[in-house]
């Protein structure tokens, strides 16, 4: 969809924030709004988490740039009507093409490999905090399609994107104290993220 828009607008006047050939570094921090989608996502609610890392951008032309990054992201979900949450952590590696539609404003799309670093069921039982390691039940690799937009303001960059995972989050049933939490492994990460970064040329 984004690439189709880029083709349609290719004849228009499109502006880049930086000169052609420039390499920029953008440290960034922000918030993820994570949940699951799929037939077994019933009973899950959005969970807020941290996103932090950095991205490099290379200005390919006045219209297009390429971005590669490394981001730590808290994902997972809260479980409806309980005090429990599924808390996952990933190292995301977004690779994006940016299409500049106006000075500082870009639409973006690409691919995002990610690697699971932690997965826990967290909650309270009998007044005590409970952390159960669920990493063995999760797939260690995730592959997503990120789409979004960004806007540069005096080197500060507001970035909003949605990461649509194409690989299943889990391997098999979740069971806790003999009770199934999700019926099967038809679960996919579904994550919105909003970050604020500072871009400077190298």
N, C-alpha and C. Protein backbone atom coordinates (compact mmCIF):
# COMPACT_ATOMS: atom_id res chain seq x y z
N UNK A 1 0.83 -1.20 0.00
CA UNK A 1 0.00 0.00 0.00
C UNK A 1 0.87 1.26 0.00
N UNK A 2 1.85 1.31 0.89
CA UNK A 2 2.73 2.47 0.97
C UNK A 2 3.54 2.62 -0.31
N UNK A 3 4.01 1.47 -0.86
CA UNK A 3 4.80 1.53 -2.08
C UNK A 3 3.96 2.01 -3.26
N UNK A 4 2.68 1.65 -3.27
CA UNK A 4 1.77 2.13 -4.32
C UNK A 4 1.61 3.64 -4.23
N UNK A 5 1.48 4.14 -2.99
CA UNK A 5 1.38 5.59 -2.80
C UNK A 5 2.65 6.27 -3.29
N UNK A 6 3.80 5.64 -3.02
CA UNK A 6 5.07 6.23 -3.43
C UNK A 6 5.14 6.35 -4.95
N UNK A 7 4.67 5.32 -5.67
CA UNK A 7 4.69 5.35 -7.13
C UNK A 7 3.78 6.44 -7.66
N UNK A 8 2.58 6.56 -7.07
CA UNK A 8 1.63 7.55 -7.52
C UNK A 8 2.13 8.97 -7.32
N UNK A 9 2.94 9.15 -6.27
CA UNK A 9 3.42 10.48 -5.95
C UNK A 9 4.81 10.78 -6.48
N UNK A 10 5.35 9.84 -7.25
CA UNK A 10 6.74 9.97 -7.68
C UNK A 10 6.96 11.18 -8.58
N UNK A 11 5.91 11.64 -9.26
CA UNK A 11 6.06 12.79 -10.15
C UNK A 11 5.81 14.11 -9.44
N UNK A 12 5.41 14.05 -8.18
CA UNK A 12 5.12 15.27 -7.43
C UNK A 12 6.40 15.82 -6.83
N UNK A 13 6.34 17.06 -6.34
CA UNK A 13 7.48 17.66 -5.66
C UNK A 13 7.53 17.12 -4.24
N UNK A 14 8.60 16.38 -3.92
CA UNK A 14 8.73 15.72 -2.63
C UNK A 14 10.06 16.15 -2.02
N UNK A 15 10.05 16.44 -0.75
CA UNK A 15 11.21 17.04 -0.12
C UNK A 15 11.82 16.09 0.92
N UNK A 16 13.12 16.11 1.04
CA UNK A 16 13.82 15.36 2.07
C UNK A 16 14.33 16.32 3.13
N UNK A 17 14.47 15.81 4.33
CA UNK A 17 14.96 16.62 5.43
C UNK A 17 16.46 16.83 5.32
N UNK A 18 17.20 15.86 4.77
CA UNK A 18 18.66 15.91 4.72
C UNK A 18 19.15 15.76 3.28
N UNK A 19 20.38 16.19 3.03
CA UNK A 19 20.95 16.14 1.70
C UNK A 19 21.19 14.69 1.27
N UNK A 20 21.18 14.47 -0.04
CA UNK A 20 21.44 13.15 -0.60
C UNK A 20 22.83 12.68 -0.18
N UNK A 21 22.92 11.42 0.24
CA UNK A 21 24.19 10.85 0.69
C UNK A 21 24.44 11.00 2.18
N UNK A 22 23.59 11.75 2.86
CA UNK A 22 23.75 11.96 4.31
C UNK A 22 23.40 10.70 5.08
N UNK A 23 24.19 10.39 6.10
CA UNK A 23 23.88 9.32 7.05
C UNK A 23 23.58 9.97 8.39
N UNK A 24 22.41 9.65 8.95
CA UNK A 24 21.97 10.24 10.22
C UNK A 24 21.74 9.15 11.25
N UNK A 25 22.01 9.48 12.51
CA UNK A 25 21.74 8.59 13.64
C UNK A 25 20.60 9.18 14.45
N UNK A 26 19.65 8.32 14.84
CA UNK A 26 18.51 8.79 15.61
C UNK A 26 18.29 7.90 16.84
N UNK A 27 18.86 8.26 18.01
CA UNK A 27 18.45 7.60 19.25
C UNK A 27 16.99 7.95 19.53
N UNK A 28 16.23 7.01 20.08
CA UNK A 28 14.81 7.26 20.30
C UNK A 28 14.28 6.46 21.48
N UNK A 29 13.20 6.96 22.05
CA UNK A 29 12.54 6.28 23.16
C UNK A 29 11.05 6.56 23.06
N UNK A 30 10.24 5.63 23.50
CA UNK A 30 8.81 5.85 23.42
C UNK A 30 8.01 4.72 24.04
N UNK A 31 6.79 4.56 23.52
CA UNK A 31 5.81 3.66 24.13
C UNK A 31 5.28 2.68 23.09
N UNK A 32 5.11 1.44 23.51
CA UNK A 32 4.42 0.45 22.68
C UNK A 32 3.05 0.17 23.26
N UNK A 33 2.09 -0.05 22.38
CA UNK A 33 0.73 -0.47 22.77
C UNK A 33 0.55 -1.83 22.12
N UNK A 34 0.77 -2.88 22.90
CA UNK A 34 0.85 -4.23 22.36
C UNK A 34 -0.36 -5.07 22.73
N UNK A 35 -0.69 -5.99 21.83
CA UNK A 35 -1.75 -6.95 22.06
C UNK A 35 -1.51 -8.12 21.12
N UNK A 36 -2.44 -9.06 21.09
CA UNK A 36 -2.37 -10.17 20.17
C UNK A 36 -3.57 -10.13 19.23
N UNK A 37 -3.40 -10.71 18.05
CA UNK A 37 -4.51 -10.94 17.14
C UNK A 37 -4.50 -12.41 16.76
N UNK A 38 -5.62 -12.89 16.23
CA UNK A 38 -5.76 -14.29 15.90
C UNK A 38 -6.95 -14.91 16.62
N UNK A 39 -7.29 -16.13 16.25
CA UNK A 39 -8.50 -16.76 16.79
C UNK A 39 -8.40 -17.04 18.29
N UNK A 40 -7.18 -17.07 18.83
CA UNK A 40 -7.00 -17.34 20.25
C UNK A 40 -6.66 -16.09 21.06
N UNK A 41 -6.94 -14.92 20.49
CA UNK A 41 -6.60 -13.69 21.20
C UNK A 41 -7.74 -13.17 22.07
N UNK A 42 -8.88 -13.88 22.08
CA UNK A 42 -9.98 -13.47 22.94
C UNK A 42 -9.58 -13.47 24.41
N UNK A 43 -9.96 -12.43 25.13
CA UNK A 43 -9.58 -12.31 26.54
C UNK A 43 -8.30 -11.54 26.75
N UNK A 44 -7.65 -11.11 25.66
CA UNK A 44 -6.44 -10.32 25.82
C UNK A 44 -6.75 -8.83 25.67
N UNK A 45 -6.03 -8.03 26.40
CA UNK A 45 -6.20 -6.58 26.37
C UNK A 45 -4.85 -5.91 26.13
N UNK A 46 -4.88 -4.70 25.60
CA UNK A 46 -3.65 -3.99 25.26
C UNK A 46 -2.78 -3.76 26.49
N UNK A 47 -1.49 -3.87 26.29
CA UNK A 47 -0.51 -3.64 27.34
C UNK A 47 0.46 -2.56 26.90
N UNK A 48 0.73 -1.61 27.79
CA UNK A 48 1.68 -0.54 27.50
C UNK A 48 3.09 -0.99 27.87
N UNK A 49 4.05 -0.57 27.07
CA UNK A 49 5.43 -0.94 27.36
C UNK A 49 6.41 0.09 26.82
N UNK A 50 7.67 -0.18 27.03
CA UNK A 50 8.75 0.72 26.62
C UNK A 50 9.33 0.29 25.28
N UNK A 51 9.68 1.27 24.45
CA UNK A 51 10.47 1.06 23.24
C UNK A 51 11.67 1.99 23.31
N UNK A 52 12.86 1.47 23.04
CA UNK A 52 14.06 2.31 23.10
C UNK A 52 15.13 1.71 22.20
N UNK A 53 15.89 2.59 21.57
CA UNK A 53 16.97 2.13 20.71
C UNK A 53 17.48 3.22 19.81
N UNK A 54 17.93 2.85 18.62
CA UNK A 54 18.47 3.83 17.68
C UNK A 54 18.29 3.32 16.26
N UNK A 55 18.21 4.27 15.33
CA UNK A 55 18.10 3.94 13.91
C UNK A 55 19.08 4.79 13.10
N UNK A 56 19.63 4.18 12.06
CA UNK A 56 20.47 4.89 11.10
C UNK A 56 19.66 5.13 9.83
N UNK A 57 19.79 6.33 9.26
CA UNK A 57 19.07 6.66 8.03
C UNK A 57 20.06 7.13 6.96
N UNK A 58 19.92 6.57 5.76
CA UNK A 58 20.74 6.99 4.62
C UNK A 58 19.83 7.62 3.58
N UNK A 59 20.13 8.86 3.18
CA UNK A 59 19.30 9.58 2.23
C UNK A 59 19.68 9.15 0.82
N UNK A 60 18.85 8.29 0.21
CA UNK A 60 19.14 7.74 -1.10
C UNK A 60 18.96 8.77 -2.21
N UNK A 61 17.94 9.61 -2.08
CA UNK A 61 17.62 10.61 -3.10
C UNK A 61 16.79 11.68 -2.42
N UNK A 62 16.43 12.76 -3.13
CA UNK A 62 15.57 13.77 -2.49
C UNK A 62 14.22 13.22 -2.05
N UNK A 63 13.79 12.12 -2.64
CA UNK A 63 12.48 11.56 -2.33
C UNK A 63 12.51 10.40 -1.34
N UNK A 64 13.59 9.62 -1.35
CA UNK A 64 13.61 8.36 -0.61
C UNK A 64 14.83 8.26 0.31
N UNK A 65 14.62 7.57 1.42
CA UNK A 65 15.73 7.22 2.30
C UNK A 65 15.52 5.80 2.81
N UNK A 66 16.60 5.22 3.32
CA UNK A 66 16.55 3.87 3.89
C UNK A 66 16.96 3.94 5.35
N UNK A 67 16.20 3.24 6.19
CA UNK A 67 16.45 3.24 7.64
C UNK A 67 16.66 1.82 8.14
N UNK A 68 17.66 1.63 8.97
CA UNK A 68 17.88 0.37 9.66
C UNK A 68 18.07 0.64 11.14
N UNK A 69 17.46 -0.19 12.01
CA UNK A 69 17.52 0.12 13.43
C UNK A 69 17.63 -1.10 14.31
N UNK A 70 17.83 -0.83 15.58
CA UNK A 70 17.89 -1.84 16.63
C UNK A 70 17.10 -1.28 17.81
N UNK A 71 15.95 -1.92 18.12
CA UNK A 71 15.05 -1.41 19.14
C UNK A 71 14.70 -2.49 20.15
N UNK A 72 14.79 -2.15 21.43
CA UNK A 72 14.28 -3.00 22.50
C UNK A 72 12.80 -2.66 22.69
N UNK A 73 11.94 -3.68 22.74
CA UNK A 73 10.50 -3.43 22.83
C UNK A 73 9.84 -4.38 23.82
N UNK A 74 9.02 -3.80 24.71
CA UNK A 74 8.17 -4.59 25.60
C UNK A 74 6.84 -4.82 24.89
N UNK A 75 6.43 -6.09 24.81
CA UNK A 75 5.18 -6.41 24.13
C UNK A 75 4.34 -7.33 25.00
N UNK A 76 3.49 -8.18 24.40
CA UNK A 76 2.62 -9.07 25.17
C UNK A 76 1.21 -8.54 25.28
N UNK A 77 0.53 -8.87 26.38
CA UNK A 77 -0.83 -8.39 26.60
C UNK A 77 -1.22 -8.58 28.06
N UNK A 78 -2.25 -7.85 28.47
CA UNK A 78 -2.90 -8.12 29.74
C UNK A 78 -4.01 -9.14 29.51
N UNK A 79 -4.33 -9.92 30.56
CA UNK A 79 -5.38 -10.91 30.45
C UNK A 79 -6.65 -10.39 31.11
N UNK A 80 -7.72 -10.37 30.34
CA UNK A 80 -8.99 -9.78 30.77
C UNK A 80 -9.51 -10.43 32.06
N UNK A 81 -10.02 -9.60 32.95
CA UNK A 81 -10.68 -10.00 34.21
C UNK A 81 -9.73 -10.74 35.14
N UNK A 82 -8.44 -10.60 34.96
CA UNK A 82 -7.47 -11.20 35.88
C UNK A 82 -6.41 -10.16 36.20
N UNK A 83 -5.57 -10.50 37.17
CA UNK A 83 -4.43 -9.64 37.51
C UNK A 83 -3.17 -10.07 36.78
N UNK A 84 -3.31 -10.95 35.79
CA UNK A 84 -2.15 -11.48 35.10
C UNK A 84 -1.89 -10.76 33.78
N UNK A 85 -0.64 -10.75 33.37
CA UNK A 85 -0.26 -10.23 32.06
C UNK A 85 0.83 -11.11 31.48
N UNK A 86 0.83 -11.22 30.15
CA UNK A 86 1.90 -11.90 29.44
C UNK A 86 2.90 -10.83 29.02
N UNK A 87 4.10 -10.90 29.55
CA UNK A 87 5.11 -9.87 29.34
C UNK A 87 6.24 -10.43 28.49
N UNK A 88 6.31 -9.97 27.27
CA UNK A 88 7.37 -10.41 26.37
C UNK A 88 8.29 -9.24 26.04
N UNK A 89 9.52 -9.56 25.71
CA UNK A 89 10.51 -8.55 25.33
C UNK A 89 11.22 -9.03 24.07
N UNK A 90 11.38 -8.11 23.12
CA UNK A 90 12.01 -8.43 21.84
C UNK A 90 13.11 -7.43 21.51
N UNK A 91 14.06 -7.87 20.73
CA UNK A 91 14.99 -6.97 20.04
C UNK A 91 14.52 -6.91 18.59
N UNK A 92 14.00 -5.76 18.19
CA UNK A 92 13.48 -5.56 16.84
C UNK A 92 14.55 -4.94 15.95
N UNK A 93 14.53 -5.34 14.68
CA UNK A 93 15.49 -4.83 13.70
C UNK A 93 14.73 -4.30 12.48
N UNK A 94 14.10 -3.12 12.59
CA UNK A 94 13.32 -2.58 11.48
C UNK A 94 14.20 -2.13 10.32
N UNK A 95 13.79 -2.50 9.11
CA UNK A 95 14.44 -2.07 7.87
C UNK A 95 13.37 -1.41 7.02
N UNK A 96 13.47 -0.09 6.83
CA UNK A 96 12.37 0.69 6.28
C UNK A 96 12.80 1.52 5.08
N UNK A 97 11.88 1.69 4.14
CA UNK A 97 11.99 2.69 3.09
C UNK A 97 11.11 3.87 3.46
N UNK A 98 11.68 5.06 3.45
CA UNK A 98 10.94 6.28 3.80
C UNK A 98 10.67 7.09 2.53
N UNK A 99 9.43 7.54 2.37
CA UNK A 99 9.02 8.35 1.24
C UNK A 99 8.65 9.73 1.76
N UNK A 100 9.42 10.76 1.38
CA UNK A 100 9.18 12.11 1.87
C UNK A 100 8.12 12.81 1.01
N UNK A 101 7.02 13.19 1.65
CA UNK A 101 5.92 13.86 0.97
C UNK A 101 5.97 15.37 1.15
N UNK A 102 6.65 15.82 2.16
CA UNK A 102 6.85 17.25 2.43
C UNK A 102 8.10 17.36 3.28
N UNK A 103 8.61 18.55 3.45
CA UNK A 103 9.84 18.72 4.22
C UNK A 103 9.65 18.18 5.64
N UNK A 104 10.42 17.14 5.96
CA UNK A 104 10.37 16.57 7.29
C UNK A 104 9.32 15.50 7.49
N UNK A 105 8.36 15.37 6.57
CA UNK A 105 7.26 14.41 6.75
C UNK A 105 7.45 13.23 5.80
N UNK A 106 7.44 12.02 6.37
CA UNK A 106 7.66 10.82 5.56
C UNK A 106 6.69 9.71 5.93
N UNK A 107 6.24 8.98 4.91
CA UNK A 107 5.58 7.70 5.11
C UNK A 107 6.63 6.61 5.01
N UNK A 108 6.39 5.49 5.69
CA UNK A 108 7.42 4.44 5.72
C UNK A 108 6.80 3.06 5.76
N UNK A 109 7.54 2.10 5.21
CA UNK A 109 7.13 0.69 5.24
C UNK A 109 8.37 -0.17 5.04
N UNK A 110 8.28 -1.42 5.49
CA UNK A 110 9.43 -2.29 5.32
C UNK A 110 9.21 -3.65 5.95
N UNK A 111 10.30 -4.20 6.48
CA UNK A 111 10.24 -5.49 7.16
C UNK A 111 10.93 -5.35 8.52
N UNK A 112 10.58 -6.27 9.44
CA UNK A 112 11.17 -6.20 10.78
C UNK A 112 11.39 -7.60 11.36
N UNK A 113 12.59 -8.15 11.24
CA UNK A 113 12.93 -9.34 12.00
C UNK A 113 13.05 -8.96 13.49
N UNK A 114 12.71 -9.90 14.35
CA UNK A 114 12.80 -9.64 15.80
C UNK A 114 13.17 -10.93 16.52
N UNK A 115 13.83 -10.77 17.67
CA UNK A 115 14.29 -11.92 18.44
C UNK A 115 13.80 -11.80 19.88
N UNK A 116 13.14 -12.85 20.35
CA UNK A 116 12.60 -12.87 21.70
C UNK A 116 13.72 -12.97 22.74
N UNK A 117 13.66 -12.13 23.77
CA UNK A 117 14.65 -12.20 24.85
C UNK A 117 14.03 -12.65 26.17
N UNK A 118 12.70 -12.45 26.32
CA UNK A 118 12.06 -12.82 27.58
C UNK A 118 10.57 -12.99 27.36
N UNK A 119 9.95 -13.93 28.08
CA UNK A 119 8.50 -14.12 28.05
C UNK A 119 8.07 -14.66 29.41
N UNK A 120 7.24 -13.90 30.11
CA UNK A 120 6.81 -14.29 31.45
C UNK A 120 5.33 -14.03 31.65
N UNK A 121 4.72 -14.89 32.47
CA UNK A 121 3.37 -14.64 32.96
C UNK A 121 3.53 -13.98 34.32
N UNK A 122 3.03 -12.76 34.44
CA UNK A 122 3.21 -11.99 35.67
C UNK A 122 1.84 -11.70 36.27
N UNK A 123 1.76 -11.79 37.61
CA UNK A 123 0.51 -11.46 38.29
C UNK A 123 0.64 -11.63 39.78
N UNK A 124 -0.50 -11.71 40.43
CA UNK A 124 -0.53 -11.90 41.88
C UNK A 124 -1.37 -13.11 42.23
N UNK A 125 -0.88 -13.89 43.17
CA UNK A 125 -1.60 -15.05 43.70
C UNK A 125 -1.45 -15.05 45.21
N UNK A 126 -2.58 -15.02 45.91
CA UNK A 126 -2.57 -14.98 47.38
C UNK A 126 -1.75 -13.81 47.91
N UNK A 127 -1.83 -12.68 47.20
CA UNK A 127 -1.15 -11.48 47.64
C UNK A 127 0.32 -11.42 47.32
N UNK A 128 0.84 -12.46 46.64
CA UNK A 128 2.26 -12.51 46.30
C UNK A 128 2.45 -12.34 44.80
N UNK A 129 3.52 -11.65 44.42
CA UNK A 129 3.84 -11.50 43.00
C UNK A 129 4.31 -12.83 42.43
N UNK A 130 3.83 -13.13 41.24
CA UNK A 130 4.19 -14.38 40.56
C UNK A 130 4.80 -14.05 39.20
N UNK A 131 5.96 -14.64 38.91
CA UNK A 131 6.59 -14.53 37.60
C UNK A 131 6.92 -15.93 37.12
N UNK A 132 6.19 -16.38 36.10
CA UNK A 132 6.41 -17.72 35.56
C UNK A 132 7.04 -17.58 34.19
N UNK A 133 8.16 -18.25 33.96
CA UNK A 133 8.88 -18.16 32.69
C UNK A 133 8.13 -18.96 31.62
N UNK A 134 7.70 -18.27 30.55
CA UNK A 134 6.99 -18.89 29.44
C UNK A 134 7.82 -18.86 28.15
N UNK A 135 9.10 -18.60 28.25
CA UNK A 135 9.90 -18.42 27.04
C UNK A 135 9.91 -19.67 26.17
N UNK A 136 9.88 -20.85 26.78
CA UNK A 136 9.90 -22.09 26.00
C UNK A 136 8.63 -22.27 25.18
N UNK A 137 7.54 -21.60 25.56
CA UNK A 137 6.28 -21.72 24.83
C UNK A 137 6.20 -20.76 23.65
N UNK A 138 7.15 -19.82 23.57
CA UNK A 138 7.14 -18.81 22.51
C UNK A 138 8.14 -19.16 21.41
N UNK A 139 7.82 -18.72 20.21
CA UNK A 139 8.80 -18.79 19.13
C UNK A 139 9.87 -17.73 19.36
N UNK A 140 11.11 -18.11 19.14
CA UNK A 140 12.22 -17.19 19.42
C UNK A 140 12.38 -16.11 18.36
N UNK A 141 11.74 -16.31 17.18
CA UNK A 141 11.87 -15.36 16.08
C UNK A 141 10.50 -14.84 15.67
N UNK A 142 10.45 -13.54 15.39
CA UNK A 142 9.21 -12.92 14.92
C UNK A 142 9.53 -12.11 13.66
N UNK A 143 8.60 -12.12 12.71
CA UNK A 143 8.78 -11.35 11.48
C UNK A 143 7.55 -10.50 11.26
N UNK A 144 7.74 -9.19 11.13
CA UNK A 144 6.62 -8.26 11.03
C UNK A 144 6.79 -7.31 9.86
N UNK A 145 5.67 -6.71 9.45
CA UNK A 145 5.64 -5.65 8.44
C UNK A 145 5.32 -4.35 9.16
N UNK A 146 6.28 -3.44 9.31
CA UNK A 146 6.00 -2.14 9.93
C UNK A 146 5.56 -1.13 8.87
N UNK A 147 4.52 -0.36 9.19
CA UNK A 147 4.07 0.74 8.35
C UNK A 147 3.81 1.94 9.26
N UNK A 148 4.10 3.14 8.78
CA UNK A 148 3.87 4.29 9.65
C UNK A 148 4.26 5.60 9.00
N UNK A 149 4.52 6.59 9.83
CA UNK A 149 4.86 7.93 9.38
C UNK A 149 5.73 8.59 10.43
N UNK A 150 6.51 9.59 9.98
CA UNK A 150 7.34 10.35 10.91
C UNK A 150 7.38 11.81 10.49
N UNK A 151 7.70 12.65 11.47
CA UNK A 151 7.81 14.09 11.18
C UNK A 151 8.98 14.66 11.96
N UNK A 152 9.88 15.36 11.23
CA UNK A 152 11.06 16.00 11.83
C UNK A 152 10.74 17.45 12.19
N UNK A 153 11.07 17.82 13.43
CA UNK A 153 10.91 19.21 13.88
C UNK A 153 12.21 19.63 14.55
N UNK A 154 13.03 20.42 13.82
CA UNK A 154 14.31 20.88 14.39
C UNK A 154 15.14 19.72 14.93
N UNK A 155 15.29 18.68 14.13
CA UNK A 155 16.07 17.48 14.45
C UNK A 155 15.37 16.52 15.41
N UNK A 156 14.29 16.94 16.05
CA UNK A 156 13.48 16.01 16.83
C UNK A 156 12.53 15.30 15.88
N UNK A 157 12.34 14.00 16.09
CA UNK A 157 11.53 13.20 15.18
C UNK A 157 10.43 12.48 15.96
N UNK A 158 9.20 12.73 15.58
CA UNK A 158 8.06 11.98 16.11
C UNK A 158 7.75 10.87 15.12
N UNK A 159 7.74 9.64 15.59
CA UNK A 159 7.55 8.48 14.73
C UNK A 159 6.40 7.62 15.27
N UNK A 160 5.45 7.30 14.41
CA UNK A 160 4.33 6.43 14.78
C UNK A 160 4.24 5.31 13.75
N UNK A 161 4.18 4.08 14.22
CA UNK A 161 4.09 2.95 13.28
C UNK A 161 3.33 1.79 13.88
N UNK A 162 2.85 0.93 12.99
CA UNK A 162 2.16 -0.29 13.40
C UNK A 162 2.96 -1.47 12.87
N UNK A 163 3.24 -2.44 13.76
CA UNK A 163 3.99 -3.63 13.39
C UNK A 163 3.03 -4.82 13.30
N UNK A 164 2.82 -5.32 12.10
CA UNK A 164 1.92 -6.44 11.85
C UNK A 164 2.74 -7.71 11.71
N UNK A 165 2.69 -8.58 12.72
CA UNK A 165 3.49 -9.81 12.69
C UNK A 165 2.85 -10.84 11.77
N UNK A 166 3.72 -11.54 11.03
CA UNK A 166 3.28 -12.59 10.12
C UNK A 166 3.60 -13.99 10.64
N UNK A 167 4.37 -14.06 11.71
CA UNK A 167 4.72 -15.35 12.32
C UNK A 167 4.00 -15.49 13.66
N UNK A 168 3.66 -16.73 14.00
CA UNK A 168 2.95 -16.97 15.25
C UNK A 168 3.85 -16.68 16.45
N UNK A 169 3.25 -16.11 17.49
CA UNK A 169 4.01 -15.75 18.68
C UNK A 169 4.37 -16.98 19.51
N UNK A 170 3.47 -17.97 19.56
CA UNK A 170 3.66 -19.12 20.45
C UNK A 170 3.79 -20.43 19.69
N UNK A 171 4.35 -21.41 20.38
CA UNK A 171 4.55 -22.74 19.81
C UNK A 171 3.34 -23.65 20.06
N UNK A 172 2.79 -23.59 21.28
CA UNK A 172 1.73 -24.51 21.64
C UNK A 172 0.87 -23.90 22.74
N UNK A 173 -0.01 -24.68 23.32
CA UNK A 173 -0.93 -24.17 24.34
C UNK A 173 -0.22 -23.55 25.53
N UNK A 174 -0.81 -22.47 26.06
CA UNK A 174 -0.40 -21.95 27.36
C UNK A 174 -1.17 -22.71 28.44
N UNK A 175 -0.46 -23.18 29.43
CA UNK A 175 -1.11 -23.82 30.57
C UNK A 175 -0.51 -23.27 31.85
N UNK A 176 -1.39 -22.94 32.78
CA UNK A 176 -0.94 -22.43 34.07
C UNK A 176 -1.76 -23.11 35.16
N UNK A 177 -1.06 -23.87 36.02
CA UNK A 177 -1.74 -24.65 37.05
C UNK A 177 -2.80 -25.57 36.45
N UNK A 178 -2.46 -26.14 35.28
CA UNK A 178 -3.37 -27.09 34.64
C UNK A 178 -4.51 -26.46 33.88
N UNK A 179 -4.57 -25.14 33.81
CA UNK A 179 -5.65 -24.45 33.12
C UNK A 179 -5.13 -23.79 31.85
N UNK A 180 -5.82 -24.05 30.73
CA UNK A 180 -5.41 -23.46 29.46
C UNK A 180 -5.80 -21.99 29.43
N UNK A 181 -4.81 -21.14 29.11
CA UNK A 181 -5.08 -19.70 29.00
C UNK A 181 -5.50 -19.36 27.58
N UNK A 182 -4.82 -19.93 26.60
CA UNK A 182 -5.19 -19.78 25.20
C UNK A 182 -5.36 -21.17 24.62
N UNK A 183 -6.35 -21.34 23.73
CA UNK A 183 -6.71 -22.65 23.25
C UNK A 183 -5.69 -23.30 22.32
N UNK A 184 -4.97 -22.51 21.54
CA UNK A 184 -3.98 -23.07 20.62
C UNK A 184 -2.89 -22.04 20.40
N UNK A 185 -2.17 -22.18 19.31
CA UNK A 185 -1.06 -21.26 19.07
C UNK A 185 -1.41 -20.25 17.97
N UNK A 186 -2.68 -19.95 17.76
CA UNK A 186 -3.08 -18.97 16.74
C UNK A 186 -3.04 -17.57 17.34
N UNK A 187 -1.82 -17.13 17.65
CA UNK A 187 -1.58 -15.81 18.24
C UNK A 187 -0.48 -15.10 17.46
N UNK A 188 -0.73 -13.85 17.14
CA UNK A 188 0.24 -13.03 16.43
C UNK A 188 0.40 -11.70 17.16
N UNK A 189 1.63 -11.20 17.24
CA UNK A 189 1.85 -9.88 17.84
C UNK A 189 1.20 -8.79 16.99
N UNK A 190 0.61 -7.84 17.68
CA UNK A 190 -0.03 -6.69 17.03
C UNK A 190 0.34 -5.46 17.85
N UNK A 191 1.24 -4.63 17.31
CA UNK A 191 1.87 -3.61 18.15
C UNK A 191 1.88 -2.24 17.46
N UNK A 192 1.34 -1.24 18.16
CA UNK A 192 1.52 0.16 17.79
C UNK A 192 2.68 0.72 18.61
N UNK A 193 3.48 1.58 18.02
CA UNK A 193 4.53 2.22 18.81
C UNK A 193 4.68 3.69 18.40
N UNK A 194 4.92 4.50 19.40
CA UNK A 194 5.13 5.93 19.21
C UNK A 194 6.43 6.30 19.90
N UNK A 195 7.35 6.93 19.16
CA UNK A 195 8.64 7.29 19.74
C UNK A 195 8.99 8.74 19.44
N UNK A 196 9.86 9.27 20.29
CA UNK A 196 10.46 10.58 20.08
C UNK A 196 11.96 10.39 19.99
N UNK A 197 12.55 10.86 18.89
CA UNK A 197 13.98 10.70 18.70
C UNK A 197 14.65 12.02 18.37
N UNK A 198 15.99 11.98 18.37
CA UNK A 198 16.77 13.15 17.98
C UNK A 198 17.73 12.72 16.89
N UNK A 199 17.59 13.31 15.71
CA UNK A 199 18.38 12.93 14.55
C UNK A 199 19.53 13.89 14.32
N UNK A 200 20.73 13.35 14.14
CA UNK A 200 21.88 14.19 13.82
C UNK A 200 22.75 13.48 12.78
N UNK A 201 23.38 14.26 11.92
CA UNK A 201 24.19 13.72 10.85
C UNK A 201 25.54 13.23 11.38
N UNK A 202 26.03 12.15 10.81
CA UNK A 202 27.33 11.59 11.18
C UNK A 202 28.42 12.12 10.25
